[in-house]
Amino acid sequence: TLLLLHGLKGGSEDWQRKTSIERYAAEYGLAVFMPEVQRSWYIDMKFGLPYFTYVSEELPAWIASQFRVPIDPKHLYVAGLSMGGFGALKLALTHPDRFAGCMSLSPRLYLRDRLEQKKDELQDRKEWKAILGDDLIVGPENDLELLAEAAAKGPVPRIYLACGTEDSLYPESVRMRN
């Protein structure tokens, strides 16, 4: 079973419209679920919806109640692109006991860095305030380095992190890998 997470500039339908996910799912016997989380960064928003709770708690419970597919730690995977890559790593590192593996593609990994780069863009700041609150503090629950350090104390799911060398996010992937 695969939770497939979309990026910031897209939506859950992007995987069906722009990839061959249906063919791969049929070929490899995958049950694929593509949740919609808007531009939430897979975070329980301060002034919005609890999207992390949705993808980490509510969605797996719903899948288990509605479908005959495995959601146990040996058969549940999470993958995502860009913002979804952040979400996939956040899920796998927050709940390492729930996932067999995680794939993060061209991920934005460091929210503090993004906030610092965009601090003068008013529209972006309003959006971040809805997500993080007026203080724009990235708490430890959204700091992937801290989550990785905590997760490393026990069994960690297999993690595949991929980013092209010409991608502007490549340095973040190298930093996370190291």
N, C-alpha and C. Protein backbone atom coordinates (compact mmCIF):
# COMPACT_ATOMS: atom_id res chain seq x y z
N THR A 1 0.86 -1.17 0.00
CA THR A 1 0.00 0.00 0.00
C THR A 1 0.90 1.23 0.00
N LEU A 2 0.58 2.17 -0.85
CA LEU A 2 1.41 3.37 -1.01
C LEU A 2 0.59 4.63 -0.79
N LEU A 3 1.06 5.47 0.12
CA LEU A 3 0.53 6.82 0.25
C LEU A 3 1.41 7.70 -0.63
N LEU A 4 0.82 8.33 -1.62
CA LEU A 4 1.57 9.11 -2.61
C LEU A 4 1.20 10.58 -2.46
N LEU A 5 2.15 11.40 -2.03
CA LEU A 5 1.89 12.78 -1.62
C LEU A 5 2.29 13.79 -2.70
N HIS A 6 1.42 14.74 -2.95
CA HIS A 6 1.65 15.74 -4.00
C HIS A 6 2.52 16.90 -3.51
N GLY A 7 2.99 17.67 -4.48
CA GLY A 7 3.83 18.82 -4.20
C GLY A 7 3.05 20.10 -4.01
N LEU A 8 3.76 21.17 -3.71
CA LEU A 8 3.18 22.47 -3.38
C LEU A 8 2.38 23.07 -4.53
N LYS A 9 2.90 22.98 -5.74
CA LYS A 9 2.26 23.63 -6.88
C LYS A 9 1.30 22.73 -7.62
N GLY A 10 0.90 21.64 -6.98
CA GLY A 10 0.00 20.71 -7.63
C GLY A 10 -1.07 20.22 -6.67
N GLY A 11 -1.61 19.09 -7.02
CA GLY A 11 -2.65 18.48 -6.21
C GLY A 11 -2.59 16.97 -6.37
N SER A 12 -3.44 16.29 -5.64
CA SER A 12 -3.42 14.83 -5.64
C SER A 12 -3.66 14.24 -7.03
N GLU A 13 -4.38 14.94 -7.87
CA GLU A 13 -4.68 14.43 -9.21
C GLU A 13 -3.46 14.45 -10.14
N ASP A 14 -2.42 15.18 -9.78
CA ASP A 14 -1.22 15.27 -10.63
C ASP A 14 -0.61 13.90 -10.91
N TRP A 15 -0.62 13.02 -9.94
CA TRP A 15 -0.02 11.70 -10.13
C TRP A 15 -0.74 10.93 -11.23
N GLN A 16 -2.06 11.05 -11.27
CA GLN A 16 -2.82 10.34 -12.31
C GLN A 16 -2.68 11.03 -13.67
N ARG A 17 -2.66 12.34 -13.67
CA ARG A 17 -2.61 13.09 -14.93
C ARG A 17 -1.22 13.12 -15.55
N LYS A 18 -0.18 13.13 -14.74
CA LYS A 18 1.16 13.41 -15.24
C LYS A 18 2.16 12.26 -15.09
N THR A 19 1.73 11.12 -14.55
CA THR A 19 2.64 9.99 -14.40
C THR A 19 1.93 8.72 -14.87
N SER A 20 2.65 7.62 -14.80
CA SER A 20 2.10 6.31 -15.15
C SER A 20 1.77 5.51 -13.90
N ILE A 21 1.35 6.18 -12.84
CA ILE A 21 1.12 5.50 -11.57
C ILE A 21 0.08 4.39 -11.70
N GLU A 22 -0.95 4.57 -12.52
CA GLU A 22 -1.95 3.51 -12.67
C GLU A 22 -1.34 2.25 -13.28
N ARG A 23 -0.48 2.43 -14.26
CA ARG A 23 0.18 1.29 -14.88
C ARG A 23 1.08 0.58 -13.88
N TYR A 24 1.87 1.35 -13.12
CA TYR A 24 2.77 0.76 -12.12
C TYR A 24 1.97 0.05 -11.02
N ALA A 25 0.89 0.65 -10.59
CA ALA A 25 0.06 0.05 -9.54
C ALA A 25 -0.48 -1.30 -10.01
N ALA A 26 -0.95 -1.35 -11.25
CA ALA A 26 -1.47 -2.60 -11.79
C ALA A 26 -0.36 -3.64 -11.96
N GLU A 27 0.78 -3.19 -12.48
CA GLU A 27 1.89 -4.11 -12.74
C GLU A 27 2.46 -4.70 -11.46
N TYR A 28 2.55 -3.91 -10.40
CA TYR A 28 3.19 -4.37 -9.17
C TYR A 28 2.21 -4.68 -8.04
N GLY A 29 0.92 -4.62 -8.32
CA GLY A 29 -0.08 -4.95 -7.30
C GLY A 29 -0.12 -3.98 -6.14
N LEU A 30 0.00 -2.70 -6.46
CA LEU A 30 -0.01 -1.66 -5.43
C LEU A 30 -1.41 -1.07 -5.25
N ALA A 31 -1.77 -0.85 -4.02
CA ALA A 31 -2.94 -0.03 -3.72
C ALA A 31 -2.38 1.36 -3.43
N VAL A 32 -2.76 2.35 -4.22
CA VAL A 32 -2.19 3.70 -4.12
C VAL A 32 -3.27 4.67 -3.66
N PHE A 33 -2.95 5.44 -2.64
CA PHE A 33 -3.86 6.46 -2.12
C PHE A 33 -3.15 7.80 -2.20
N MET A 34 -3.84 8.78 -2.81
CA MET A 34 -3.24 10.08 -3.08
C MET A 34 -4.07 11.17 -2.38
N PRO A 35 -3.75 11.45 -1.12
CA PRO A 35 -4.54 12.44 -0.38
C PRO A 35 -4.31 13.86 -0.87
N GLU A 36 -5.31 14.69 -0.72
CA GLU A 36 -5.23 16.11 -1.07
C GLU A 36 -5.03 16.90 0.23
N VAL A 37 -3.99 17.73 0.25
CA VAL A 37 -3.71 18.52 1.46
C VAL A 37 -3.49 20.01 1.15
N GLN A 38 -3.86 20.43 -0.06
CA GLN A 38 -3.69 21.82 -0.46
C GLN A 38 -2.21 22.22 -0.34
N ARG A 39 -1.94 23.39 0.20
CA ARG A 39 -0.57 23.90 0.36
C ARG A 39 -0.16 23.89 1.84
N SER A 40 -0.55 22.84 2.54
CA SER A 40 -0.41 22.77 4.00
C SER A 40 0.95 22.31 4.49
N TRP A 41 1.78 21.79 3.62
CA TRP A 41 3.06 21.21 4.00
C TRP A 41 2.89 19.98 4.89
N TYR A 42 1.73 19.34 4.83
CA TYR A 42 1.48 18.14 5.62
C TYR A 42 1.68 18.43 7.11
N ILE A 43 1.19 19.60 7.50
CA ILE A 43 1.30 20.08 8.88
C ILE A 43 -0.11 20.28 9.43
N ASP A 44 -0.27 20.04 10.72
CA ASP A 44 -1.51 20.44 11.39
C ASP A 44 -1.48 21.96 11.50
N MET A 45 -2.25 22.63 10.65
CA MET A 45 -2.18 24.08 10.53
C MET A 45 -2.67 24.78 11.80
N LYS A 46 -2.05 25.90 12.12
CA LYS A 46 -2.47 26.73 13.25
C LYS A 46 -3.85 27.32 13.00
N PHE A 47 -4.03 27.83 11.78
CA PHE A 47 -5.30 28.44 11.40
C PHE A 47 -5.81 27.76 10.13
N GLY A 48 -6.12 26.52 10.26
CA GLY A 48 -6.56 25.72 9.12
C GLY A 48 -6.83 24.30 9.57
N LEU A 49 -6.70 23.40 8.65
CA LEU A 49 -7.04 22.01 8.92
C LEU A 49 -5.85 21.21 9.44
N PRO A 50 -6.10 20.14 10.20
CA PRO A 50 -5.02 19.29 10.74
C PRO A 50 -4.58 18.25 9.71
N TYR A 51 -3.84 18.69 8.72
CA TYR A 51 -3.48 17.81 7.62
C TYR A 51 -2.52 16.68 8.01
N PHE A 52 -1.59 16.93 8.93
CA PHE A 52 -0.70 15.84 9.34
C PHE A 52 -1.49 14.75 10.05
N THR A 53 -2.40 15.13 10.91
CA THR A 53 -3.26 14.15 11.58
C THR A 53 -4.08 13.39 10.54
N TYR A 54 -4.54 14.09 9.53
CA TYR A 54 -5.30 13.45 8.46
C TYR A 54 -4.49 12.35 7.79
N VAL A 55 -3.27 12.66 7.33
CA VAL A 55 -2.50 11.66 6.58
C VAL A 55 -1.86 10.61 7.49
N SER A 56 -1.60 10.94 8.74
CA SER A 56 -0.93 9.99 9.62
C SER A 56 -1.90 9.12 10.42
N GLU A 57 -3.09 9.62 10.71
CA GLU A 57 -4.03 8.88 11.55
C GLU A 57 -5.32 8.54 10.82
N GLU A 58 -6.01 9.58 10.34
CA GLU A 58 -7.34 9.38 9.78
C GLU A 58 -7.33 8.58 8.47
N LEU A 59 -6.43 8.92 7.56
CA LEU A 59 -6.39 8.23 6.28
C LEU A 59 -6.07 6.74 6.43
N PRO A 60 -5.01 6.37 7.17
CA PRO A 60 -4.76 4.93 7.33
C PRO A 60 -5.93 4.19 7.99
N ALA A 61 -6.56 4.81 8.97
CA ALA A 61 -7.71 4.17 9.63
C ALA A 61 -8.86 3.98 8.63
N TRP A 62 -9.10 4.99 7.80
CA TRP A 62 -10.16 4.90 6.79
C TRP A 62 -9.83 3.82 5.76
N ILE A 63 -8.58 3.79 5.30
CA ILE A 63 -8.17 2.77 4.34
C ILE A 63 -8.42 1.38 4.91
N ALA A 64 -8.02 1.18 6.17
CA ALA A 64 -8.20 -0.13 6.81
C ALA A 64 -9.67 -0.50 6.91
N SER A 65 -10.53 0.48 7.12
CA SER A 65 -11.95 0.19 7.28
C SER A 65 -12.69 -0.01 5.95
N GLN A 66 -12.13 0.49 4.87
CA GLN A 66 -12.84 0.47 3.58
C GLN A 66 -12.28 -0.51 2.54
N PHE A 67 -11.02 -0.88 2.69
CA PHE A 67 -10.37 -1.69 1.66
C PHE A 67 -9.67 -2.89 2.28
N ARG A 68 -9.52 -3.91 1.50
CA ARG A 68 -8.78 -5.09 1.93
C ARG A 68 -7.35 -4.97 1.43
N VAL A 69 -6.64 -4.02 1.98
CA VAL A 69 -5.24 -3.81 1.62
C VAL A 69 -4.42 -3.73 2.90
N PRO A 70 -3.18 -4.16 2.83
CA PRO A 70 -2.35 -4.13 4.04
C PRO A 70 -1.88 -2.72 4.38
N ILE A 71 -2.02 -2.35 5.64
CA ILE A 71 -1.46 -1.07 6.10
C ILE A 71 -0.54 -1.30 7.30
N ASP A 72 -0.04 -2.52 7.41
CA ASP A 72 0.88 -2.84 8.49
C ASP A 72 2.29 -2.37 8.12
N PRO A 73 3.20 -2.31 9.09
CA PRO A 73 4.54 -1.77 8.84
C PRO A 73 5.37 -2.53 7.81
N LYS A 74 5.01 -3.74 7.48
CA LYS A 74 5.75 -4.49 6.46
C LYS A 74 5.27 -4.17 5.05
N HIS A 75 4.09 -3.54 4.94
CA HIS A 75 3.49 -3.34 3.62
C HIS A 75 3.07 -1.91 3.32
N LEU A 76 3.30 -0.99 4.23
CA LEU A 76 2.88 0.40 4.02
C LEU A 76 4.09 1.26 3.67
N TYR A 77 3.96 1.97 2.55
CA TYR A 77 5.02 2.85 2.06
C TYR A 77 4.45 4.25 1.89
N VAL A 78 5.35 5.24 1.93
CA VAL A 78 4.94 6.62 1.69
C VAL A 78 5.97 7.23 0.74
N ALA A 79 5.48 8.03 -0.21
CA ALA A 79 6.36 8.68 -1.17
C ALA A 79 5.78 10.04 -1.51
N GLY A 80 6.64 10.97 -1.92
CA GLY A 80 6.14 12.28 -2.29
C GLY A 80 7.16 13.08 -3.07
N LEU A 81 6.65 14.11 -3.73
CA LEU A 81 7.46 15.01 -4.55
C LEU A 81 7.44 16.41 -3.94
N SER A 82 8.60 17.04 -3.83
CA SER A 82 8.73 18.42 -3.37
C SER A 82 8.12 18.56 -1.97
N MET A 83 7.06 19.33 -1.82
CA MET A 83 6.39 19.44 -0.52
C MET A 83 5.96 18.05 -0.05
N GLY A 84 5.53 17.21 -0.99
CA GLY A 84 5.16 15.84 -0.65
C GLY A 84 6.35 15.01 -0.20
N GLY A 85 7.54 15.33 -0.71
CA GLY A 85 8.76 14.68 -0.24
C GLY A 85 9.04 15.03 1.20
N PHE A 86 8.78 16.29 1.56
CA PHE A 86 8.86 16.71 2.96
C PHE A 86 7.85 15.91 3.78
N GLY A 87 6.61 15.85 3.30
CA GLY A 87 5.57 15.14 4.02
C GLY A 87 5.88 13.67 4.19
N ALA A 88 6.43 13.04 3.14
CA ALA A 88 6.77 11.61 3.22
C ALA A 88 7.83 11.37 4.28
N LEU A 89 8.88 12.19 4.28
CA LEU A 89 9.92 12.03 5.30
C LEU A 89 9.38 12.33 6.70
N LYS A 90 8.54 13.35 6.80
CA LYS A 90 7.96 13.68 8.11
C LYS A 90 7.16 12.50 8.64
N LEU A 91 6.34 11.90 7.79
CA LEU A 91 5.55 10.73 8.21
C LEU A 91 6.46 9.58 8.64
N ALA A 92 7.44 9.24 7.80
CA ALA A 92 8.31 8.10 8.08
C ALA A 92 9.18 8.32 9.31
N LEU A 93 9.62 9.55 9.53
CA LEU A 93 10.49 9.83 10.67
C LEU A 93 9.70 10.05 11.97
N THR A 94 8.48 10.55 11.85
CA THR A 94 7.63 10.73 13.03
C THR A 94 7.09 9.38 13.51
N HIS A 95 6.77 8.52 12.56
CA HIS A 95 6.19 7.20 12.87
C HIS A 95 7.00 6.10 12.17
N PRO A 96 8.28 5.94 12.53
CA PRO A 96 9.11 4.96 11.83
C PRO A 96 8.62 3.52 11.99
N ASP A 97 7.84 3.28 13.02
CA ASP A 97 7.32 1.94 13.26
C ASP A 97 6.13 1.58 12.36
N ARG A 98 5.64 2.52 11.59
CA ARG A 98 4.45 2.29 10.76
C ARG A 98 4.74 2.01 9.29
N PHE A 99 5.98 2.29 8.84
CA PHE A 99 6.27 2.24 7.41
C PHE A 99 7.40 1.28 7.08
N ALA A 100 7.25 0.59 5.95
CA ALA A 100 8.31 -0.27 5.43
C ALA A 100 9.35 0.57 4.69
N GLY A 101 8.90 1.67 4.10
CA GLY A 101 9.82 2.50 3.34
C GLY A 101 9.24 3.85 3.00
N CYS A 102 10.16 4.73 2.60
CA CYS A 102 9.81 6.11 2.28
C CYS A 102 10.63 6.54 1.07
N MET A 103 9.99 7.24 0.14
CA MET A 103 10.69 7.79 -1.02
C MET A 103 10.39 9.28 -1.08
N SER A 104 11.44 10.08 -1.10
CA SER A 104 11.31 11.53 -1.12
C SER A 104 12.01 12.05 -2.38
N LEU A 105 11.23 12.64 -3.30
CA LEU A 105 11.75 13.08 -4.59
C LEU A 105 11.82 14.61 -4.66
N SER A 106 12.99 15.13 -4.98
CA SER A 106 13.20 16.58 -5.07
C SER A 106 12.51 17.32 -3.93
N PRO A 107 12.80 16.92 -2.70
CA PRO A 107 12.05 17.48 -1.58
C PRO A 107 12.57 18.84 -1.11
N ARG A 108 11.65 19.64 -0.63
CA ARG A 108 11.98 20.83 0.16
C ARG A 108 12.06 20.30 1.58
N LEU A 109 13.22 20.37 2.21
CA LEU A 109 13.43 19.70 3.49
C LEU A 109 13.55 20.62 4.69
N TYR A 110 13.95 21.86 4.47
CA TYR A 110 14.24 22.77 5.58
C TYR A 110 13.29 23.96 5.55
N LEU A 111 12.24 23.89 6.32
CA LEU A 111 11.23 24.95 6.31
C LEU A 111 11.78 26.27 6.82
N ARG A 112 12.66 26.23 7.82
CA ARG A 112 13.25 27.50 8.32
C ARG A 112 13.98 28.23 7.20
N ASP A 113 14.73 27.48 6.39
CA ASP A 113 15.46 28.10 5.28
C ASP A 113 14.49 28.73 4.29
N ARG A 114 13.40 28.03 3.99
CA ARG A 114 12.39 28.57 3.06
C ARG A 114 11.80 29.86 3.61
N LEU A 115 11.48 29.86 4.88
CA LEU A 115 10.91 31.07 5.49
C LEU A 115 11.89 32.23 5.43
N GLU A 116 13.14 31.96 5.67
CA GLU A 116 14.15 33.01 5.62
C GLU A 116 14.30 33.58 4.21
N GLN A 117 14.26 32.71 3.21
CA GLN A 117 14.38 33.14 1.82
C GLN A 117 13.19 33.98 1.38
N LYS A 118 12.02 33.69 1.90
CA LYS A 118 10.78 34.32 1.43
C LYS A 118 10.21 35.33 2.43
N LYS A 119 11.00 35.76 3.41
CA LYS A 119 10.45 36.58 4.49
C LYS A 119 9.86 37.91 4.04
N ASP A 120 10.25 38.41 2.90
CA ASP A 120 9.74 39.70 2.45
C ASP A 120 8.56 39.60 1.50
N GLU A 121 8.15 38.38 1.17
CA GLU A 121 7.02 38.20 0.26
C GLU A 121 5.73 38.10 1.07
N LEU A 122 4.94 39.16 1.04
CA LEU A 122 3.76 39.27 1.90
C LEU A 122 2.78 38.12 1.71
N GLN A 123 2.45 37.77 0.47
CA GLN A 123 1.48 36.71 0.25
C GLN A 123 1.96 35.39 0.83
N ASP A 124 3.22 35.07 0.59
CA ASP A 124 3.79 33.84 1.11
C ASP A 124 3.77 33.85 2.64
N ARG A 125 4.03 35.01 3.22
CA ARG A 125 4.04 35.13 4.68
C ARG A 125 2.66 34.89 5.27
N LYS A 126 1.63 35.38 4.62
CA LYS A 126 0.26 35.13 5.09
C LYS A 126 -0.04 33.64 5.08
N GLU A 127 0.37 32.98 4.03
CA GLU A 127 0.16 31.55 3.93
C GLU A 127 0.90 30.81 5.05
N TRP A 128 2.14 31.18 5.29
CA TRP A 128 2.92 30.55 6.35
C TRP A 128 2.33 30.83 7.73
N LYS A 129 1.77 32.00 7.93
CA LYS A 129 1.13 32.29 9.23
C LYS A 129 -0.07 31.39 9.45
N ALA A 130 -0.81 31.09 8.41
CA ALA A 130 -1.94 30.16 8.53
C ALA A 130 -1.45 28.77 8.91
N ILE A 131 -0.29 28.40 8.40
CA ILE A 131 0.25 27.07 8.66
C ILE A 131 0.92 27.01 10.03
N LEU A 132 1.82 27.95 10.32
CA LEU A 132 2.64 27.89 11.53
C LEU A 132 2.18 28.79 12.66
N GLY A 133 1.35 29.77 12.37
CA GLY A 133 0.95 30.73 13.38
C GLY A 133 1.65 32.06 13.17
N ASP A 134 1.20 33.07 13.87
CA ASP A 134 1.73 34.43 13.69
C ASP A 134 3.23 34.54 13.95
N ASP A 135 3.77 33.71 14.84
CA ASP A 135 5.19 33.79 15.17
C ASP A 135 6.10 33.14 14.13
N LEU A 136 5.51 32.39 13.20
CA LEU A 136 6.26 31.70 12.13
C LEU A 136 7.38 30.81 12.68
N ILE A 137 7.12 30.16 13.78
CA ILE A 137 8.10 29.25 14.39
C ILE A 137 7.92 27.85 13.82
N VAL A 138 9.01 27.28 13.33
CA VAL A 138 9.00 25.90 12.86
C VAL A 138 9.33 25.04 14.08
N GLY A 139 8.33 24.37 14.62
CA GLY A 139 8.53 23.57 15.82
C GLY A 139 9.28 22.28 15.53
N PRO A 140 9.69 21.60 16.58
CA PRO A 140 10.46 20.35 16.41
C PRO A 140 9.70 19.27 15.64
N GLU A 141 8.37 19.31 15.68
CA GLU A 141 7.58 18.32 14.95
C GLU A 141 7.66 18.52 13.44
N ASN A 142 8.22 19.65 12.99
CA ASN A 142 8.38 19.94 11.57
C ASN A 142 9.84 20.12 11.17
N ASP A 143 10.75 19.75 12.04
CA ASP A 143 12.18 19.84 11.78
C ASP A 143 12.69 18.44 11.45
N LEU A 144 12.93 18.18 10.18
CA LEU A 144 13.28 16.84 9.74
C LEU A 144 14.61 16.34 10.31
N GLU A 145 15.57 17.24 10.55
CA GLU A 145 16.83 16.81 11.15
C GLU A 145 16.59 16.29 12.56
N LEU A 146 15.79 17.01 13.35
CA LEU A 146 15.48 16.55 14.71
C LEU A 146 14.70 15.24 14.68
N LEU A 147 13.75 15.13 13.75
CA LEU A 147 12.99 13.90 13.63
C LEU A 147 13.88 12.73 13.23
N ALA A 148 14.85 12.97 12.34
CA ALA A 148 15.78 11.92 11.92
C ALA A 148 16.66 11.46 13.08
N GLU A 149 17.13 12.41 13.88
CA GLU A 149 17.95 12.06 15.04
C GLU A 149 17.15 11.20 16.02
N ALA A 150 15.91 11.58 16.27
CA ALA A 150 15.07 10.81 17.19
C ALA A 150 14.75 9.43 16.62
N ALA A 151 14.44 9.37 15.33
CA ALA A 151 14.09 8.10 14.70
C ALA A 151 15.27 7.14 14.67
N ALA A 152 16.49 7.68 14.58
CA ALA A 152 17.69 6.85 14.47
C ALA A 152 17.94 6.02 15.72
N LYS A 153 17.25 6.31 16.80
CA LYS A 153 17.43 5.56 18.05
C LYS A 153 16.75 4.19 18.00
N GLY A 154 15.94 3.97 16.98
CA GLY A 154 15.25 2.69 16.83
C GLY A 154 15.27 2.27 15.38
N PRO A 155 14.49 1.24 15.05
CA PRO A 155 14.41 0.83 13.65
C PRO A 155 13.80 1.94 12.78
N VAL A 156 14.43 2.20 11.66
CA VAL A 156 13.97 3.24 10.73
C VAL A 156 13.59 2.56 9.42
N PRO A 157 12.49 2.98 8.81
CA PRO A 157 12.15 2.37 7.51
C PRO A 157 13.22 2.71 6.47
N ARG A 158 13.26 1.92 5.42
CA ARG A 158 14.16 2.23 4.31
C ARG A 158 13.77 3.58 3.74
N ILE A 159 14.76 4.40 3.45
CA ILE A 159 14.51 5.74 2.92
C ILE A 159 15.28 5.91 1.62
N TYR A 160 14.57 6.36 0.59
CA TYR A 160 15.18 6.69 -0.69
C TYR A 160 14.97 8.18 -0.91
N LEU A 161 16.07 8.90 -1.01
CA LEU A 161 16.05 10.35 -1.20
C LEU A 161 16.69 10.64 -2.54
N ALA A 162 15.96 11.29 -3.45
CA ALA A 162 16.48 11.54 -4.79
C ALA A 162 16.24 12.99 -5.19
N CYS A 163 17.28 13.59 -5.76
CA CYS A 163 17.18 14.96 -6.26
C CYS A 163 18.26 15.14 -7.31
N GLY A 164 17.91 15.69 -8.45
CA GLY A 164 18.88 15.93 -9.51
C GLY A 164 19.90 16.98 -9.12
N THR A 165 21.10 16.83 -9.63
CA THR A 165 22.18 17.76 -9.26
C THR A 165 21.92 19.18 -9.75
N GLU A 166 21.09 19.36 -10.77
CA GLU A 166 20.78 20.69 -11.28
C GLU A 166 19.54 21.30 -10.63
N ASP A 167 18.88 20.56 -9.78
CA ASP A 167 17.70 21.03 -9.06
C ASP A 167 18.14 22.01 -7.97
N SER A 168 17.43 23.12 -7.82
CA SER A 168 17.79 24.11 -6.80
C SER A 168 17.69 23.54 -5.38
N LEU A 169 16.98 22.44 -5.21
CA LEU A 169 16.83 21.81 -3.89
C LEU A 169 17.91 20.76 -3.61
N TYR A 170 18.80 20.54 -4.56
CA TYR A 170 19.84 19.53 -4.38
C TYR A 170 20.67 19.74 -3.12
N PRO A 171 21.12 20.97 -2.81
CA PRO A 171 21.91 21.15 -1.58
C PRO A 171 21.16 20.70 -0.31
N GLU A 172 19.85 20.87 -0.29
CA GLU A 172 19.08 20.42 0.87
C GLU A 172 19.11 18.90 0.99
N SER A 173 19.05 18.21 -0.15
CA SER A 173 19.09 16.75 -0.13
C SER A 173 20.46 16.25 0.34
N VAL A 174 21.52 16.90 -0.12
CA VAL A 174 22.86 16.52 0.32
C VAL A 174 23.00 16.76 1.83
N ARG A 175 22.51 17.89 2.29
CA ARG A 175 22.56 18.20 3.73
C ARG A 175 21.81 17.15 4.54
N MET A 176 20.62 16.77 4.09
CA MET A 176 19.84 15.77 4.81
C MET A 176 20.53 14.41 4.77
N ARG A 177 21.05 14.05 3.61
CA ARG A 177 21.76 12.76 3.51
C ARG A 177 22.90 12.71 4.50
N ASN A 178 23.68 13.80 4.57
CA ASN A 178 24.83 13.84 5.47
C ASN A 178 24.39 13.83 6.93
